[in-house]
Amino acid sequence: MRPLYIASEYVVAAATTGGYSFVSDSVSRLGEVGCSVAYCSPRHEVMNGSFVGFGLLLAAGAVLLSRSLGPWVTALLVVSGLSSVATGLAPLDQDAALHAFAATPLFVAQPVALVVLGARLRSGRPRLARALLAGGVVTAAAAVTFVLSADGPAAGALERLALWPVLVGLAAFAWMQLPVGRRQPAAEGAAGRTAGT
């Protein structure tokens, strides 16, 4: 689902009229319902649906992995998931204040979840723990800068820096929860392809 969420941004952005920039425009602009001569996102349902779908899966996945994640990380990710759902149900151009209220928990809870999870894994998986801690710091800094920059020239890049590393970090953690036997065939396949080149 995480790669699909990122892919959905590109699919929706490709259909916009009036110009859309991944560097300067927020993700939420892709979910704007209204159209004007200056800008229109005709596939806004896809983006808002992605917010909702990703949020539901994030919350459900956190509950399913709650034993490995621990209670604090689980709670933070459930809050993040519900925030994403609310964001998709409150498009930016329909009510900007409500949209900001819905999205704020996501930008707070996700970086904190990465830091807490990294601290939890320090003894068992130190390399993954360091990556998660670093990711948490980077995403937190990007989230704060994104908020302070408002609609600055790098707003879109900062927002994605606050969101996308979390997807990668959680995917890496989920991958490590798979039994070794289930991860081995993929690793062997990759090794075989490398040897054949």
C-alpha atoms as a PDB file:
ATOM      1  CA  MET A   1       0.000   0.000   0.000  1.00  0.00           C
ATOM      2  CA  ARG A   2       2.810   2.454   0.773  1.00  0.00           C
ATOM      3  CA  PRO A   3       4.308   2.388  -2.748  1.00  0.00           C
ATOM      4  CA  LEU A   4       0.773   2.690  -4.128  1.00  0.00           C
ATOM      5  CA  TYR A   5       0.133   5.746  -1.968  1.00  0.00           C
ATOM      6  CA  ILE A   6       3.222   7.479  -3.355  1.00  0.00           C
ATOM      7  CA  ALA A   7       2.351   6.342  -6.882  1.00  0.00           C
ATOM      8  CA  SER A   8      -1.129   7.805  -6.485  1.00  0.00           C
ATOM      9  CA  GLU A   9       0.401  11.249  -6.032  1.00  0.00           C
ATOM     10  CA  TYR A  10       2.090  10.977  -9.422  1.00  0.00           C
ATOM     11  CA  VAL A  11      -1.044   9.627 -11.093  1.00  0.00           C
ATOM     12  CA  VAL A  12      -3.188  12.449  -9.724  1.00  0.00           C
ATOM     13  CA  ALA A  13      -0.561  15.135 -10.376  1.00  0.00           C
ATOM     14  CA  ALA A  14      -0.246  14.032 -14.000  1.00  0.00           C
ATOM     15  CA  ALA A  15      -3.903  14.901 -14.577  1.00  0.00           C
ATOM     16  CA  THR A  16      -3.844  18.361 -13.008  1.00  0.00           C
ATOM     17  CA  THR A  17      -4.276  21.454 -15.142  1.00  0.00           C
ATOM     18  CA  GLY A  18      -2.743  24.817 -14.401  1.00  0.00           C
ATOM     19  CA  GLY A  19       0.551  23.394 -13.181  1.00  0.00           C
ATOM     20  CA  TYR A  20       1.465  21.343 -10.128  1.00  0.00           C
ATOM     21  CA  SER A  21       4.917  21.189  -8.506  1.00  0.00           C
ATOM     22  CA  PHE A  22       6.098  18.463  -6.167  1.00  0.00           C
ATOM     23  CA  VAL A  23       8.570  20.983  -4.770  1.00  0.00           C
ATOM     24  CA  SER A  24       6.331  23.946  -4.036  1.00  0.00           C
ATOM     25  CA  ASP A  25       2.778  22.527  -3.868  1.00  0.00           C
ATOM     26  CA  SER A  26       1.395  20.554  -0.945  1.00  0.00           C
ATOM     27  CA  VAL A  27       0.041  17.032  -1.303  1.00  0.00           C
ATOM     28  CA  SER A  28      -3.347  18.330  -0.188  1.00  0.00           C
ATOM     29  CA  ARG A  29      -3.679  20.432  -3.350  1.00  0.00           C
ATOM     30  CA  LEU A  30      -4.063  17.187  -5.261  1.00  0.00           C
ATOM     31  CA  GLY A  31      -7.211  16.492  -3.247  1.00  0.00           C
ATOM     32  CA  GLU A  32      -8.871  19.842  -3.921  1.00  0.00           C
ATOM     33  CA  VAL A  33     -12.407  19.290  -5.182  1.00  0.00           C
ATOM     34  CA  GLY A  34     -13.111  22.617  -6.829  1.00  0.00           C
ATOM     35  CA  CYS A  35     -11.761  23.673 -10.205  1.00  0.00           C
ATOM     36  CA  SER A  36     -10.843  27.051 -11.638  1.00  0.00           C
ATOM     37  CA  VAL A  37      -9.184  28.365 -14.761  1.00  0.00           C
ATOM     38  CA  ALA A  38      -5.908  28.591 -12.818  1.00  0.00           C
ATOM     39  CA  TYR A  39      -5.895  25.081 -11.337  1.00  0.00           C
ATOM     40  CA  CYS A  40      -7.856  21.832 -11.331  1.00  0.00           C
ATOM     41  CA  SER A  41      -7.236  18.320  -9.987  1.00  0.00           C
ATOM     42  CA  PRO A  42      -9.785  16.129 -11.793  1.00  0.00           C
ATOM     43  CA  ARG A  43      -8.544  12.989 -10.065  1.00  0.00           C
ATOM     44  CA  HIS A  44      -8.986  14.421  -6.579  1.00  0.00           C
ATOM     45  CA  GLU A  45     -11.107  11.418  -5.568  1.00  0.00           C
ATOM     46  CA  VAL A  46      -8.077   9.182  -6.088  1.00  0.00           C
ATOM     47  CA  MET A  47      -5.905  11.321  -3.795  1.00  0.00           C
ATOM     48  CA  ASN A  48      -8.504  11.679  -1.084  1.00  0.00           C
ATOM     49  CA  GLY A  49      -9.284   7.980  -1.341  1.00  0.00           C
ATOM     50  CA  SER A  50      -5.573   7.257  -0.923  1.00  0.00           C
ATOM     51  CA  PHE A  51      -5.512   9.350   2.265  1.00  0.00           C
ATOM     52  CA  VAL A  52      -8.433   7.342   3.631  1.00  0.00           C
ATOM     53  CA  GLY A  53      -7.200   3.929   2.471  1.00  0.00           C
ATOM     54  CA  PHE A  54      -3.649   4.470   3.669  1.00  0.00           C
ATOM     55  CA  GLY A  55      -4.898   5.734   7.022  1.00  0.00           C
ATOM     56  CA  LEU A  56      -7.129   2.724   7.594  1.00  0.00           C
ATOM     57  CA  LEU A  57      -4.361   0.300   6.667  1.00  0.00           C
ATOM     58  CA  LEU A  58      -1.822   2.147   8.839  1.00  0.00           C
ATOM     59  CA  ALA A  59      -4.106   1.973  11.867  1.00  0.00           C
ATOM     60  CA  ALA A  60      -5.014  -1.668  11.229  1.00  0.00           C
ATOM     61  CA  GLY A  61      -1.383  -2.642  10.632  1.00  0.00           C
ATOM     62  CA  ALA A  62      -0.326  -0.954  13.860  1.00  0.00           C
ATOM     63  CA  VAL A  63      -2.925  -2.930  15.797  1.00  0.00           C
ATOM     64  CA  LEU A  64      -1.845  -6.200  14.160  1.00  0.00           C
ATOM     65  CA  LEU A  65       1.820  -5.502  14.990  1.00  0.00           C
ATOM     66  CA  SER A  66       1.083  -4.041  18.411  1.00  0.00           C
ATOM     67  CA  ARG A  67       3.061  -6.730  20.251  1.00  0.00           C
ATOM     68  CA  SER A  68       6.229  -5.871  18.320  1.00  0.00           C
ATOM     69  CA  LEU A  69       5.597  -2.125  18.194  1.00  0.00           C
ATOM     70  CA  GLY A  70       4.705  -1.668  21.830  1.00  0.00           C
ATOM     71  CA  PRO A  71       1.714   0.279  23.194  1.00  0.00           C
ATOM     72  CA  TRP A  72       3.082   3.793  22.645  1.00  0.00           C
ATOM     73  CA  VAL A  73       4.097   3.315  19.016  1.00  0.00           C
ATOM     74  CA  THR A  74       0.845   1.483  18.297  1.00  0.00           C
ATOM     75  CA  ALA A  75      -1.201   4.337  19.724  1.00  0.00           C
ATOM     76  CA  LEU A  76       0.802   6.950  17.811  1.00  0.00           C
ATOM     77  CA  LEU A  77       0.383   5.103  14.516  1.00  0.00           C
ATOM     78  CA  VAL A  78      -3.340   4.592  15.083  1.00  0.00           C
ATOM     79  CA  VAL A  79      -3.651   8.346  15.683  1.00  0.00           C
ATOM     80  CA  SER A  80      -1.639   8.939  12.497  1.00  0.00           C
ATOM     81  CA  GLY A  81      -3.892   6.615  10.526  1.00  0.00           C
ATOM     82  CA  LEU A  82      -7.088   8.226  11.781  1.00  0.00           C
ATOM     83  CA  SER A  83      -5.610  11.647  11.024  1.00  0.00           C
ATOM     84  CA  SER A  84      -4.940  10.562   7.447  1.00  0.00           C
ATOM     85  CA  VAL A  85      -8.530   9.332   7.121  1.00  0.00           C
ATOM     86  CA  ALA A  86      -9.864  12.638   8.424  1.00  0.00           C
ATOM     87  CA  THR A  87      -7.608  14.525   6.015  1.00  0.00           C
ATOM     88  CA  GLY A  88      -9.074  12.665   3.068  1.00  0.00           C
ATOM     89  CA  LEU A  89     -12.603  13.438   4.247  1.00  0.00           C
ATOM     90  CA  ALA A  90     -11.887  17.172   4.635  1.00  0.00           C
ATOM     91  CA  PRO A  91     -10.403  18.476   1.359  1.00  0.00           C
ATOM     92  CA  LEU A  92      -8.234  21.574   1.631  1.00  0.00           C
ATOM     93  CA  ASP A  93     -10.372  23.849  -0.539  1.00  0.00           C
ATOM     94  CA  GLN A  94     -13.623  22.924   1.196  1.00  0.00           C
ATOM     95  CA  ASP A  95     -12.557  23.974   4.701  1.00  0.00           C
ATOM     96  CA  ALA A  96      -8.907  24.888   5.166  1.00  0.00           C
ATOM     97  CA  ALA A  97      -9.152  25.172   8.960  1.00  0.00           C
ATOM     98  CA  LEU A  98     -10.812  21.761   9.308  1.00  0.00           C
ATOM     99  CA  HIS A  99      -8.284  20.238   6.916  1.00  0.00           C
ATOM    100  CA  ALA A 100      -5.375  21.621   8.965  1.00  0.00           C
ATOM    101  CA  PHE A 101      -6.977  20.378  12.188  1.00  0.00           C
ATOM    102  CA  ALA A 102      -7.396  16.901  10.677  1.00  0.00           C
ATOM    103  CA  ALA A 103      -3.849  16.708   9.298  1.00  0.00           C
ATOM    104  CA  THR A 104      -1.899  18.097  12.262  1.00  0.00           C
ATOM    105  CA  PRO A 105      -1.867  14.876  14.371  1.00  0.00           C
ATOM    106  CA  LEU A 106      -0.281  13.032  11.451  1.00  0.00           C
ATOM    107  CA  PHE A 107       2.692  15.401  11.317  1.00  0.00           C
ATOM    108  CA  VAL A 108       3.180  15.179  15.089  1.00  0.00           C
ATOM    109  CA  ALA A 109       2.529  11.503  15.781  1.00  0.00           C
ATOM    110  CA  GLN A 110       4.523   9.922  12.935  1.00  0.00           C
ATOM    111  CA  PRO A 111       7.954  11.399  13.769  1.00  0.00           C
ATOM    112  CA  VAL A 112       7.432  10.667  17.459  1.00  0.00           C
ATOM    113  CA  ALA A 113       6.461   7.092  16.586  1.00  0.00           C
ATOM    114  CA  LEU A 114       9.712   6.608  14.638  1.00  0.00           C
ATOM    115  CA  VAL A 115      11.801   7.953  17.521  1.00  0.00           C
ATOM    116  CA  VAL A 116      10.022   5.823  20.135  1.00  0.00           C
ATOM    117  CA  LEU A 117      10.256   2.733  17.929  1.00  0.00           C
ATOM    118  CA  GLY A 118      13.952   3.380  17.315  1.00  0.00           C
ATOM    119  CA  ALA A 119      14.575   3.668  21.047  1.00  0.00           C
ATOM    120  CA  ARG A 120      12.651   0.441  21.617  1.00  0.00           C
ATOM    121  CA  LEU A 121      14.812  -1.467  19.105  1.00  0.00           C
ATOM    122  CA  ARG A 122      18.225  -0.165  20.210  1.00  0.00           C
ATOM    123  CA  SER A 123      19.324  -3.389  21.902  1.00  0.00           C
ATOM    124  CA  GLY A 124      17.770  -5.944  19.531  1.00  0.00           C
ATOM    125  CA  ARG A 125      18.221  -4.276  16.134  1.00  0.00           C
ATOM    126  CA  PRO A 126      20.708  -1.427  16.550  1.00  0.00           C
ATOM    127  CA  ARG A 127      21.149  -0.636  12.850  1.00  0.00           C
ATOM    128  CA  LEU A 128      17.431  -0.409  12.204  1.00  0.00           C
ATOM    129  CA  ALA A 129      17.052   1.543  15.438  1.00  0.00           C
ATOM    130  CA  ARG A 130      19.595   4.146  14.323  1.00  0.00           C
ATOM    131  CA  ALA A 131      17.866   4.500  10.967  1.00  0.00           C
ATOM    132  CA  LEU A 132      14.482   4.950  12.621  1.00  0.00           C
ATOM    133  CA  LEU A 133      15.846   7.495  15.095  1.00  0.00           C
ATOM    134  CA  ALA A 134      17.473   9.452  12.287  1.00  0.00           C
ATOM    135  CA  GLY A 135      14.287   9.254  10.251  1.00  0.00           C
ATOM    136  CA  GLY A 136      12.259  10.525  13.179  1.00  0.00           C
ATOM    137  CA  VAL A 137      14.543  13.516  13.655  1.00  0.00           C
ATOM    138  CA  VAL A 138      14.542  14.347   9.929  1.00  0.00           C
ATOM    139  CA  THR A 139      10.769  14.059   9.561  1.00  0.00           C
ATOM    140  CA  ALA A 140      10.159  16.116  12.703  1.00  0.00           C
ATOM    141  CA  ALA A 141      12.470  18.868  11.483  1.00  0.00           C
ATOM    142  CA  ALA A 142      10.840  18.804   8.042  1.00  0.00           C
ATOM    143  CA  ALA A 143       7.347  18.951   9.562  1.00  0.00           C
ATOM    144  CA  VAL A 144       8.219  21.967  11.701  1.00  0.00           C
ATOM    145  CA  THR A 145       9.881  23.746   8.774  1.00  0.00           C
ATOM    146  CA  PHE A 146       6.902  22.923   6.534  1.00  0.00           C
ATOM    147  CA  VAL A 147       4.484  24.524   8.997  1.00  0.00           C
ATOM    148  CA  LEU A 148       6.676  27.595   9.490  1.00  0.00           C
ATOM    149  CA  SER A 149       7.244  28.048   5.760  1.00  0.00           C
ATOM    150  CA  ALA A 150       3.482  28.154   5.070  1.00  0.00           C
ATOM    151  CA  ASP A 151       3.200  28.267   1.260  1.00  0.00           C
ATOM    152  CA  GLY A 152       6.897  28.810   0.689  1.00  0.00           C
ATOM    153  CA  PRO A 153       8.743  27.801  -2.483  1.00  0.00           C
ATOM    154  CA  ALA A 154       9.810  24.459  -0.981  1.00  0.00           C
ATOM    155  CA  ALA A 155       6.572  23.637   0.874  1.00  0.00           C
ATOM    156  CA  GLY A 156       5.829  20.520  -1.176  1.00  0.00           C
ATOM    157  CA  ALA A 157       9.342  19.106  -0.786  1.00  0.00           C
ATOM    158  CA  LEU A 158       9.308  19.738   2.972  1.00  0.00           C
ATOM    159  CA  GLU A 159       5.921  18.093   3.384  1.00  0.00           C
ATOM    160  CA  ARG A 160       7.043  15.003   1.518  1.00  0.00           C
ATOM    161  CA  LEU A 161      10.260  14.898   3.545  1.00  0.00           C
ATOM    162  CA  ALA A 162       8.039  14.890   6.620  1.00  0.00           C
ATOM    163  CA  LEU A 163       5.874  12.039   5.319  1.00  0.00           C
ATOM    164  CA  TRP A 164       7.678   9.724   2.909  1.00  0.00           C
ATOM    165  CA  PRO A 165      10.590   8.587   5.173  1.00  0.00           C
ATOM    166  CA  VAL A 166       8.004   7.348   7.652  1.00  0.00           C
ATOM    167  CA  LEU A 167       6.584   5.061   4.992  1.00  0.00           C
ATOM    168  CA  VAL A 168      10.034   3.641   4.277  1.00  0.00           C
ATOM    169  CA  GLY A 169      10.903   3.228   7.965  1.00  0.00           C
ATOM    170  CA  LEU A 170       7.690   1.412   8.820  1.00  0.00           C
ATOM    171  CA  ALA A 171       7.998  -0.790   5.729  1.00  0.00           C
ATOM    172  CA  ALA A 172      11.518  -1.774   6.825  1.00  0.00           C
ATOM    173  CA  PHE A 173      10.276  -2.590  10.313  1.00  0.00           C
ATOM    174  CA  ALA A 174       7.369  -4.673   8.968  1.00  0.00           C
ATOM    175  CA  TRP A 175       9.788  -6.531   6.649  1.00  0.00           C
ATOM    176  CA  MET A 176      11.990  -7.424   9.600  1.00  0.00           C
ATOM    177  CA  GLN A 177       9.003  -8.967  11.367  1.00  0.00           C
ATOM    178  CA  LEU A 178       8.647 -11.596   8.641  1.00  0.00           C
ATOM    179  CA  PRO A 179      10.091 -15.019   9.475  1.00  0.00           C
ATOM    180  CA  VAL A 180      13.558 -15.508   8.008  1.00  0.00           C
ATOM    181  CA  GLY A 181      12.257 -18.300   5.796  1.00  0.00           C
ATOM    182  CA  ARG A 182       9.793 -15.980   4.110  1.00  0.00           C
ATOM    183  CA  ARG A 183      12.430 -13.318   3.473  1.00  0.00           C
ATOM    184  CA  GLN A 184      15.046 -15.768   2.162  1.00  0.00           C
ATOM    185  CA  PRO A 185      13.473 -16.565  -1.245  1.00  0.00           C
ATOM    186  CA  ALA A 186      13.369 -12.869  -2.160  1.00  0.00           C
ATOM    187  CA  ALA A 187      16.987 -12.433  -1.127  1.00  0.00           C
ATOM    188  CA  GLU A 188      18.036 -15.516  -3.088  1.00  0.00           C
ATOM    189  CA  GLY A 189      16.139 -14.275  -6.148  1.00  0.00           C
ATOM    190  CA  ALA A 190      17.924 -10.956  -5.972  1.00  0.00           C
ATOM    191  CA  ALA A 191      21.288 -12.719  -5.619  1.00  0.00           C
ATOM    192  CA  GLY A 192      20.520 -14.917  -8.613  1.00  0.00           C
ATOM    193  CA  ARG A 193      19.624 -11.956 -10.783  1.00  0.00           C
ATOM    194  CA  THR A 194      22.852 -10.212  -9.766  1.00  0.00           C
ATOM    195  CA  ALA A 195      24.928 -13.267 -10.595  1.00  0.00           C
ATOM    196  CA  GLY A 196      23.251 -13.590 -13.968  1.00  0.00           C
ATOM    197  CA  THR A 197      24.150 -10.105 -15.077  1.00  0.00           C
END
